[in-house]
C-alpha atoms as a PDB file:
ATOM      1  CA  UNK A   1       0.000   0.000   0.000  1.00  0.00           C
ATOM      2  CA  UNK A   2       1.410   3.416  -0.924  1.00  0.00           C
ATOM      3  CA  UNK A   3       2.267   5.968   1.727  1.00  0.00           C
ATOM      4  CA  UNK A   4      -0.150   8.883   2.340  1.00  0.00           C
ATOM      5  CA  UNK A   5       0.707  12.146   0.646  1.00  0.00           C
ATOM      6  CA  UNK A   6       0.345  14.025   3.953  1.00  0.00           C
ATOM      7  CA  UNK A   7       1.577  13.733   7.515  1.00  0.00           C
ATOM      8  CA  UNK A   8      -0.053  14.533  10.852  1.00  0.00           C
ATOM      9  CA  UNK A   9       2.667  15.410  13.362  1.00  0.00           C
ATOM     10  CA  UNK A  10       1.351  15.128  16.926  1.00  0.00           C
ATOM     11  CA  UNK A  11       1.577  17.967  19.420  1.00  0.00           C
ATOM     12  CA  UNK A  12       0.547  18.244  23.044  1.00  0.00           C
ATOM     13  CA  UNK A  13      -2.717  16.568  23.992  1.00  0.00           C
ATOM     14  CA  UNK A  14      -3.961  19.839  25.487  1.00  0.00           C
ATOM     15  CA  UNK A  15      -3.211  21.968  22.401  1.00  0.00           C
ATOM     16  CA  UNK A  16      -6.188  23.029  20.247  1.00  0.00           C
ATOM     17  CA  UNK A  17      -3.852  24.416  17.550  1.00  0.00           C
ATOM     18  CA  UNK A  18      -3.353  22.712  14.201  1.00  0.00           C
ATOM     19  CA  UNK A  19      -0.720  24.265  11.938  1.00  0.00           C
ATOM     20  CA  UNK A  20      -1.751  23.445   8.371  1.00  0.00           C
ATOM     21  CA  UNK A  21       1.033  23.507   5.750  1.00  0.00           C
ATOM     22  CA  UNK A  22      -0.514  22.677   2.360  1.00  0.00           C
ATOM     23  CA  UNK A  23       1.864  24.182  -0.221  1.00  0.00           C
ATOM     24  CA  UNK A  24       5.446  23.722   1.014  1.00  0.00           C
ATOM     25  CA  UNK A  25       6.488  20.627  -0.971  1.00  0.00           C
ATOM     26  CA  UNK A  26       7.959  20.304  -4.464  1.00  0.00           C
ATOM     27  CA  UNK A  27       7.489  16.539  -4.953  1.00  0.00           C
ATOM     28  CA  UNK A  28       5.559  15.448  -8.059  1.00  0.00           C
ATOM     29  CA  UNK A  29       5.241  11.641  -8.423  1.00  0.00           C
ATOM     30  CA  UNK A  30       6.322  10.207 -11.766  1.00  0.00           C
ATOM     31  CA  UNK A  31       2.803   9.053 -12.646  1.00  0.00           C
ATOM     32  CA  UNK A  32       1.509  12.591 -12.113  1.00  0.00           C
ATOM     33  CA  UNK A  33       4.490  14.127 -13.923  1.00  0.00           C
ATOM     34  CA  UNK A  34       3.480  12.190 -17.047  1.00  0.00           C
ATOM     35  CA  UNK A  35       0.331  14.309 -17.363  1.00  0.00           C
ATOM     36  CA  UNK A  36       2.163  17.633 -17.156  1.00  0.00           C
ATOM     37  CA  UNK A  37       3.021  19.428 -20.392  1.00  0.00           C
ATOM     38  CA  UNK A  38       6.127  21.292 -19.143  1.00  0.00           C
ATOM     39  CA  UNK A  39       9.664  20.093 -19.755  1.00  0.00           C
ATOM     40  CA  UNK A  40      11.891  19.508 -16.729  1.00  0.00           C
ATOM     41  CA  UNK A  41      13.424  22.982 -16.751  1.00  0.00           C
ATOM     42  CA  UNK A  42      10.066  24.724 -17.058  1.00  0.00           C
ATOM     43  CA  UNK A  43       8.596  22.519 -14.328  1.00  0.00           C
ATOM     44  CA  UNK A  44      11.377  23.437 -11.909  1.00  0.00           C
ATOM     45  CA  UNK A  45      10.823  27.109 -12.693  1.00  0.00           C
ATOM     46  CA  UNK A  46       7.081  26.718 -12.058  1.00  0.00           C
ATOM     47  CA  UNK A  47       7.784  24.981  -8.751  1.00  0.00           C
ATOM     48  CA  UNK A  48       9.954  27.940  -7.749  1.00  0.00           C
ATOM     49  CA  UNK A  49       7.000  30.279  -8.260  1.00  0.00           C
ATOM     50  CA  UNK A  50       4.117  28.146  -6.975  1.00  0.00           C
ATOM     51  CA  UNK A  51       5.681  26.553  -3.874  1.00  0.00           C
ATOM     52  CA  UNK A  52       5.335  28.208  -0.470  1.00  0.00           C
ATOM     53  CA  UNK A  53       8.977  27.433   0.169  1.00  0.00           C
ATOM     54  CA  UNK A  54      10.231  26.759   3.702  1.00  0.00           C
ATOM     55  CA  UNK A  55       6.791  27.014   5.313  1.00  0.00           C
ATOM     56  CA  UNK A  56       7.097  23.453   6.630  1.00  0.00           C
ATOM     57  CA  UNK A  57      10.419  24.415   8.244  1.00  0.00           C
ATOM     58  CA  UNK A  58       8.768  27.534   9.658  1.00  0.00           C
ATOM     59  CA  UNK A  59       5.991  25.460  11.230  1.00  0.00           C
ATOM     60  CA  UNK A  60       8.520  22.974  12.617  1.00  0.00           C
ATOM     61  CA  UNK A  61      10.633  25.736  14.165  1.00  0.00           C
ATOM     62  CA  UNK A  62       7.586  27.431  15.681  1.00  0.00           C
ATOM     63  CA  UNK A  63       6.364  24.137  17.131  1.00  0.00           C
ATOM     64  CA  UNK A  64       9.749  23.609  18.778  1.00  0.00           C
ATOM     65  CA  UNK A  65       9.676  27.118  20.290  1.00  0.00           C
ATOM     66  CA  UNK A  66       6.102  27.014  21.548  1.00  0.00           C
ATOM     67  CA  UNK A  67       5.458  26.410  25.221  1.00  0.00           C
ATOM     68  CA  UNK A  68       2.624  24.022  24.316  1.00  0.00           C
ATOM     69  CA  UNK A  69       3.469  22.097  21.156  1.00  0.00           C
ATOM     70  CA  UNK A  70       0.870  22.513  18.394  1.00  0.00           C
ATOM     71  CA  UNK A  71      -0.154  19.763  16.034  1.00  0.00           C
ATOM     72  CA  UNK A  72       0.984  19.999  12.402  1.00  0.00           C
ATOM     73  CA  UNK A  73      -0.678  18.723   9.238  1.00  0.00           C
ATOM     74  CA  UNK A  74       1.784  18.868   6.344  1.00  0.00           C
ATOM     75  CA  UNK A  75       1.241  18.144   2.659  1.00  0.00           C
ATOM     76  CA  UNK A  76       4.223  16.167   1.368  1.00  0.00           C
ATOM     77  CA  UNK A  77       3.358  16.594  -2.326  1.00  0.00           C
ATOM     78  CA  UNK A  78       3.409  19.693  -4.505  1.00  0.00           C
ATOM     79  CA  UNK A  79       0.193  21.597  -5.058  1.00  0.00           C
ATOM     80  CA  UNK A  80       0.767  20.797  -8.758  1.00  0.00           C
ATOM     81  CA  UNK A  81      -0.493  17.290  -7.897  1.00  0.00           C
ATOM     82  CA  UNK A  82      -3.695  18.578  -6.286  1.00  0.00           C
ATOM     83  CA  UNK A  83      -4.372  21.724  -4.322  1.00  0.00           C
ATOM     84  CA  UNK A  84      -6.050  20.480  -1.132  1.00  0.00           C
ATOM     85  CA  UNK A  85      -7.463  23.920  -0.360  1.00  0.00           C
ATOM     86  CA  UNK A  86      -9.550  24.265  -3.511  1.00  0.00           C
ATOM     87  CA  UNK A  87     -13.105  23.061  -3.964  1.00  0.00           C
ATOM     88  CA  UNK A  88     -13.221  19.926  -6.147  1.00  0.00           C
ATOM     89  CA  UNK A  89     -16.066  21.407  -8.245  1.00  0.00           C
ATOM     90  CA  UNK A  90     -17.268  24.534 -10.019  1.00  0.00           C
ATOM     91  CA  UNK A  91     -17.614  26.591  -6.808  1.00  0.00           C
ATOM     92  CA  UNK A  92     -13.913  27.481  -6.929  1.00  0.00           C
ATOM     93  CA  UNK A  93     -13.266  30.910  -8.487  1.00  0.00           C
ATOM     94  CA  UNK A  94      -9.671  29.915  -9.263  1.00  0.00           C
ATOM     95  CA  UNK A  95     -11.040  27.686 -12.035  1.00  0.00           C
ATOM     96  CA  UNK A  96     -11.144  30.919 -14.033  1.00  0.00           C
ATOM     97  CA  UNK A  97      -7.346  30.837 -14.280  1.00  0.00           C
ATOM     98  CA  UNK A  98      -6.996  27.047 -14.491  1.00  0.00           C
ATOM     99  CA  UNK A  99      -6.232  26.594 -10.798  1.00  0.00           C
ATOM    100  CA  UNK A 100      -9.042  24.569  -9.295  1.00  0.00           C
ATOM    101  CA  UNK A 101      -8.365  21.414  -7.306  1.00  0.00           C
ATOM    102  CA  UNK A 102      -6.196  20.192 -10.220  1.00  0.00           C
ATOM    103  CA  UNK A 103      -4.279  22.903 -12.028  1.00  0.00           C
ATOM    104  CA  UNK A 104      -4.370  23.125 -15.805  1.00  0.00           C
ATOM    105  CA  UNK A 105      -2.461  26.427 -16.125  1.00  0.00           C
ATOM    106  CA  UNK A 106       0.735  27.777 -14.565  1.00  0.00           C
ATOM    107  CA  UNK A 107       1.355  30.899 -12.511  1.00  0.00           C
ATOM    108  CA  UNK A 108       2.064  32.660 -15.834  1.00  0.00           C
ATOM    109  CA  UNK A 109      -1.127  31.252 -17.424  1.00  0.00           C
ATOM    110  CA  UNK A 110       0.738  28.818 -19.645  1.00  0.00           C
ATOM    111  CA  UNK A 111      -0.523  25.289 -20.321  1.00  0.00           C
ATOM    112  CA  UNK A 112       0.264  22.901 -17.468  1.00  0.00           C
ATOM    113  CA  UNK A 113      -2.153  20.124 -18.463  1.00  0.00           C
ATOM    114  CA  UNK A 114      -3.802  19.737 -21.843  1.00  0.00           C
ATOM    115  CA  UNK A 115      -7.384  20.833 -22.475  1.00  0.00           C
ATOM    116  CA  UNK A 116      -9.738  17.960 -21.714  1.00  0.00           C
ATOM    117  CA  UNK A 117      -7.543  16.574 -18.939  1.00  0.00           C
ATOM    118  CA  UNK A 118      -9.691  14.500 -16.548  1.00  0.00           C
ATOM    119  CA  UNK A 119      -8.973  15.610 -12.953  1.00  0.00           C
ATOM    120  CA  UNK A 120     -11.082  12.926 -11.273  1.00  0.00           C
ATOM    121  CA  UNK A 121      -8.337  10.272 -10.850  1.00  0.00           C
ATOM    122  CA  UNK A 122      -6.127  12.811  -9.052  1.00  0.00           C
ATOM    123  CA  UNK A 123      -9.036  14.083  -6.970  1.00  0.00           C
ATOM    124  CA  UNK A 124      -9.897  10.519  -5.946  1.00  0.00           C
ATOM    125  CA  UNK A 125      -6.310   9.457  -5.269  1.00  0.00           C
ATOM    126  CA  UNK A 126      -5.056  12.561  -3.466  1.00  0.00           C
ATOM    127  CA  UNK A 127      -7.660  15.269  -2.788  1.00  0.00           C
ATOM    128  CA  UNK A 128     -10.407  13.318  -1.035  1.00  0.00           C
ATOM    129  CA  UNK A 129      -8.112  11.287   1.283  1.00  0.00           C
ATOM    130  CA  UNK A 130      -6.331  14.502   2.275  1.00  0.00           C
ATOM    131  CA  UNK A 131      -9.614  16.250   3.051  1.00  0.00           C
ATOM    132  CA  UNK A 132     -10.812  13.272   5.090  1.00  0.00           C
ATOM    133  CA  UNK A 133      -7.560  13.142   7.073  1.00  0.00           C
ATOM    134  CA  UNK A 134      -7.656  16.869   7.775  1.00  0.00           C
ATOM    135  CA  UNK A 135     -11.255  16.488   8.962  1.00  0.00           C
ATOM    136  CA  UNK A 136     -10.144  13.736  11.346  1.00  0.00           C
ATOM    137  CA  UNK A 137      -7.301  15.925  12.617  1.00  0.00           C
ATOM    138  CA  UNK A 138      -9.722  18.736  13.467  1.00  0.00           C
ATOM    139  CA  UNK A 139     -12.111  16.225  15.062  1.00  0.00           C
ATOM    140  CA  UNK A 140      -9.252  15.018  17.221  1.00  0.00           C
ATOM    141  CA  UNK A 141      -8.590  18.505  18.580  1.00  0.00           C
ATOM    142  CA  UNK A 142     -12.298  19.017  19.235  1.00  0.00           C
ATOM    143  CA  UNK A 143     -12.538  15.738  21.100  1.00  0.00           C
ATOM    144  CA  UNK A 144      -9.436  16.439  23.179  1.00  0.00           C
ATOM    145  CA  UNK A 145      -9.889  20.127  23.986  1.00  0.00           C
ATOM    146  CA  UNK A 146     -13.421  21.118  23.002  1.00  0.00           C
ATOM    147  CA  UNK A 147     -12.147  23.460  20.299  1.00  0.00           C
ATOM    148  CA  UNK A 148      -9.787  23.600  17.325  1.00  0.00           C
ATOM    149  CA  UNK A 149      -7.805  26.466  15.803  1.00  0.00           C
ATOM    150  CA  UNK A 150      -6.484  25.933  12.288  1.00  0.00           C
ATOM    151  CA  UNK A 151      -3.556  28.196  11.417  1.00  0.00           C
ATOM    152  CA  UNK A 152      -3.191  27.908   7.656  1.00  0.00           C
ATOM    153  CA  UNK A 153       0.423  28.743   6.755  1.00  0.00           C
ATOM    154  CA  UNK A 154       1.352  30.174   3.345  1.00  0.00           C
ATOM    155  CA  UNK A 155       3.722  32.547   1.573  1.00  0.00           C
ATOM    156  CA  UNK A 156       3.413  34.781  -1.466  1.00  0.00           C
ATOM    157  CA  UNK A 157       5.813  36.596  -3.816  1.00  0.00           C
ATOM    158  CA  UNK A 158       6.695  40.236  -3.349  1.00  0.00           C
ATOM    159  CA  UNK A 159       5.538  40.958  -6.924  1.00  0.00           C
ATOM    160  CA  UNK A 160       2.176  39.724  -8.190  1.00  0.00           C
ATOM    161  CA  UNK A 161       2.160  36.786 -10.607  1.00  0.00           C
ATOM    162  CA  UNK A 162      -0.189  36.723 -13.624  1.00  0.00           C
ATOM    163  CA  UNK A 163      -2.499  34.081 -12.132  1.00  0.00           C
ATOM    164  CA  UNK A 164      -3.464  36.216  -9.127  1.00  0.00           C
ATOM    165  CA  UNK A 165      -7.067  37.390  -9.303  1.00  0.00           C
ATOM    166  CA  UNK A 166      -6.552  40.120  -6.697  1.00  0.00           C
ATOM    167  CA  UNK A 167      -2.917  40.990  -7.239  1.00  0.00           C
ATOM    168  CA  UNK A 168      -3.451  44.750  -7.519  1.00  0.00           C
ATOM    169  CA  UNK A 169      -4.158  45.180  -3.797  1.00  0.00           C
ATOM    170  CA  UNK A 170      -1.749  45.733  -0.892  1.00  0.00           C
ATOM    171  CA  UNK A 171       1.080  43.237  -0.354  1.00  0.00           C
ATOM    172  CA  UNK A 172       2.068  43.703   3.308  1.00  0.00           C
ATOM    173  CA  UNK A 173       4.863  41.676   4.927  1.00  0.00           C
ATOM    174  CA  UNK A 174       2.209  39.602   6.721  1.00  0.00           C
ATOM    175  CA  UNK A 175      -1.283  39.073   5.312  1.00  0.00           C
ATOM    176  CA  UNK A 176      -3.949  37.555   7.545  1.00  0.00           C
ATOM    177  CA  UNK A 177      -6.723  35.729   5.704  1.00  0.00           C
ATOM    178  CA  UNK A 178     -10.015  35.649   7.576  1.00  0.00           C
ATOM    179  CA  UNK A 179     -13.467  34.092   7.466  1.00  0.00           C
ATOM    180  CA  UNK A 180     -16.589  35.834   8.800  1.00  0.00           C
ATOM    181  CA  UNK A 181     -17.733  32.766  10.702  1.00  0.00           C
ATOM    182  CA  UNK A 182     -14.493  31.050  11.742  1.00  0.00           C
ATOM    183  CA  UNK A 183     -12.175  33.978  12.476  1.00  0.00           C
ATOM    184  CA  UNK A 184     -13.232  35.759  15.674  1.00  0.00           C
ATOM    185  CA  UNK A 185     -11.832  39.209  16.282  1.00  0.00           C
ATOM    186  CA  UNK A 186      -9.695  38.038  19.176  1.00  0.00           C
ATOM    187  CA  UNK A 187      -7.904  35.589  16.861  1.00  0.00           C
ATOM    188  CA  UNK A 188      -7.050  38.366  14.409  1.00  0.00           C
ATOM    189  CA  UNK A 189      -5.923  40.625  17.247  1.00  0.00           C
ATOM    190  CA  UNK A 190      -3.703  37.890  18.667  1.00  0.00           C
ATOM    191  CA  UNK A 191      -2.047  37.419  15.270  1.00  0.00           C
ATOM    192  CA  UNK A 192      -1.466  41.145  14.841  1.00  0.00           C
ATOM    193  CA  UNK A 193       0.220  41.289  18.252  1.00  0.00           C
ATOM    194  CA  UNK A 194       2.353  38.216  17.561  1.00  0.00           C
ATOM    195  CA  UNK A 195       3.633  39.435  14.180  1.00  0.00           C
ATOM    196  CA  UNK A 196       4.015  43.103  15.178  1.00  0.00           C
ATOM    197  CA  UNK A 197       7.809  42.845  15.016  1.00  0.00           C
ATOM    198  CA  UNK A 198       7.762  41.486  11.472  1.00  0.00           C
ATOM    199  CA  UNK A 199       6.402  44.597   9.758  1.00  0.00           C
ATOM    200  CA  UNK A 200       2.967  45.734   8.721  1.00  0.00           C
ATOM    201  CA  UNK A 201       0.138  43.210   9.054  1.00  0.00           C
ATOM    202  CA  UNK A 202      -2.770  43.465   6.605  1.00  0.00           C
ATOM    203  CA  UNK A 203      -6.073  41.669   6.125  1.00  0.00           C
ATOM    204  CA  UNK A 204      -7.233  39.587   3.150  1.00  0.00           C
ATOM    205  CA  UNK A 205      -4.948  41.151   0.526  1.00  0.00           C
ATOM    206  CA  UNK A 206      -3.544  39.904  -1.745  1.00  0.00           C
ATOM    207  CA  UNK A 207      -5.124  36.633  -0.566  1.00  0.00           C
ATOM    208  CA  UNK A 208      -8.190  36.248   1.624  1.00  0.00           C
ATOM    209  CA  UNK A 209     -10.130  33.563   3.419  1.00  0.00           C
ATOM    210  CA  UNK A 210      -8.829  30.557   5.289  1.00  0.00           C
ATOM    211  CA  UNK A 211      -9.153  26.766   5.352  1.00  0.00           C
ATOM    212  CA  UNK A 212     -11.738  24.820   7.320  1.00  0.00           C
ATOM    213  CA  UNK A 213     -12.788  21.246   6.451  1.00  0.00           C
ATOM    214  CA  UNK A 214     -16.176  21.305   4.733  1.00  0.00           C
ATOM    215  CA  UNK A 215     -17.762  19.171   7.468  1.00  0.00           C
ATOM    216  CA  UNK A 216     -17.318  22.102   9.864  1.00  0.00           C
ATOM    217  CA  UNK A 217     -17.385  25.047   7.513  1.00  0.00           C
ATOM    218  CA  UNK A 218     -19.979  27.646   8.412  1.00  0.00           C
ATOM    219  CA  UNK A 219     -21.670  25.429  10.991  1.00  0.00           C
ATOM    220  CA  UNK A 220     -19.351  24.733  13.931  1.00  0.00           C
ATOM    221  CA  UNK A 221     -18.052  27.808  15.757  1.00  0.00           C
ATOM    222  CA  UNK A 222     -15.786  25.638  17.896  1.00  0.00           C
ATOM    223  CA  UNK A 223     -13.461  25.570  14.882  1.00  0.00           C
ATOM    224  CA  UNK A 224     -11.491  28.787  14.551  1.00  0.00           C
ATOM    225  CA  UNK A 225      -9.297  29.464  11.537  1.00  0.00           C
ATOM    226  CA  UNK A 226      -6.822  32.029  10.276  1.00  0.00           C
ATOM    227  CA  UNK A 227      -4.585  32.097   7.216  1.00  0.00           C
ATOM    228  CA  UNK A 228      -1.098  33.504   7.724  1.00  0.00           C
ATOM    229  CA  UNK A 229       0.514  34.598   4.438  1.00  0.00           C
ATOM    230  CA  UNK A 230       4.163  35.687   4.661  1.00  0.00           C
ATOM    231  CA  UNK A 231       5.622  37.813   1.883  1.00  0.00           C
ATOM    232  CA  UNK A 232       8.607  35.833   0.652  1.00  0.00           C
ATOM    233  CA  UNK A 233      11.190  38.612   0.593  1.00  0.00           C
ATOM    234  CA  UNK A 234      10.785  38.713   4.378  1.00  0.00           C
ATOM    235  CA  UNK A 235      12.545  35.371   4.845  1.00  0.00           C
ATOM    236  CA  UNK A 236      13.958  33.922   1.602  1.00  0.00           C
ATOM    237  CA  UNK A 237      15.568  34.620  -1.767  1.00  0.00           C
ATOM    238  CA  UNK A 238      12.925  34.737  -4.498  1.00  0.00           C
ATOM    239  CA  UNK A 239      11.918  32.712  -6.382  1.00  0.00           C
ATOM    240  CA  UNK A 240      12.601  29.329  -4.853  1.00  0.00           C
ATOM    241  CA  UNK A 241      15.876  30.254  -3.150  1.00  0.00           C
ATOM    242  CA  UNK A 242      17.233  29.560   0.322  1.00  0.00           C
ATOM    243  CA  UNK A 243      15.758  30.802   3.568  1.00  0.00           C
ATOM    244  CA  UNK A 244      17.442  33.656   5.404  1.00  0.00           C
ATOM    245  CA  UNK A 245      17.605  35.079   8.902  1.00  0.00           C
ATOM    246  CA  UNK A 246      14.007  36.267   8.716  1.00  0.00           C
ATOM    247  CA  UNK A 247      12.793  32.696   9.115  1.00  0.00           C
ATOM    248  CA  UNK A 248      13.856  32.640  12.770  1.00  0.00           C
ATOM    249  CA  UNK A 249      12.055  35.896  13.561  1.00  0.00           C
ATOM    250  CA  UNK A 250       8.895  34.581  11.917  1.00  0.00           C
ATOM    251  CA  UNK A 251       9.134  31.284  13.796  1.00  0.00           C
ATOM    252  CA  UNK A 252       9.297  33.181  17.072  1.00  0.00           C
ATOM    253  CA  UNK A 253       6.251  35.243  16.087  1.00  0.00           C
ATOM    254  CA  UNK A 254       4.307  32.154  15.052  1.00  0.00           C
ATOM    255  CA  UNK A 255       5.194  30.408  18.313  1.00  0.00           C
ATOM    256  CA  UNK A 256       3.943  33.466  20.210  1.00  0.00           C
ATOM    257  CA  UNK A 257       0.646  33.224  18.356  1.00  0.00           C
ATOM    258  CA  UNK A 258       0.386  29.487  19.048  1.00  0.00           C
ATOM    259  CA  UNK A 259       0.953  30.002  22.762  1.00  0.00           C
ATOM    260  CA  UNK A 260      -1.604  32.790  22.948  1.00  0.00           C
ATOM    261  CA  UNK A 261      -4.193  30.456  21.423  1.00  0.00           C
ATOM    262  CA  UNK A 262      -3.404  27.594  23.749  1.00  0.00           C
ATOM    263  CA  UNK A 263      -4.421  29.565  26.800  1.00  0.00           C
END
């Protein structure tokens, strides 16, 4: 039996916090690679642009610094396999630029998969098991602590890429993505305090919203959620380069947020 494409890394039993890292990996299995139209050089260049590089390391460092260790749910495959945060149907606005659950276009709106490509085998093999496992992870925090807080960890480039639907808006060092139902004001305030030393913190621009498993979305207020988007020039060389000293400062800020939520 093949290994899952994701990993749940346990934290403290008493922690309600689940750090979700969906876009940090670059791995594309050979069977999936066969359906991609890019040559090897172009694929590596696309991975440089599309990957939220070093966010798994950021989550790991923050977990090690936190007084109460959070849980971590980490995608081990590239979002070019499937994007676990998209809807698997026509509700997803990113379908307009070929970036639904299974991407058909690149960050520069070039062909990634041919017209007529059937996404269902990838959705069945990767998307649905991931969603089910993430749902179980949230259920575990609810059962153990009576609540769950999903911190959805991402990064974005300092300059907008052609695929971005809302790229003309502000691009602060830290962007907090919120949801009207699942992001209470105290959660946003806690994040602003935690990241105050990292530069300006904005809301929902250039990316908005956050991730909650559909089983809980809009119905269970015990599940809080916040997206944390870090502008990449704050901690790494763009695109796709090494991490720098800023990663440590961000890890400390993220650990501060985690500890404030555990109380």
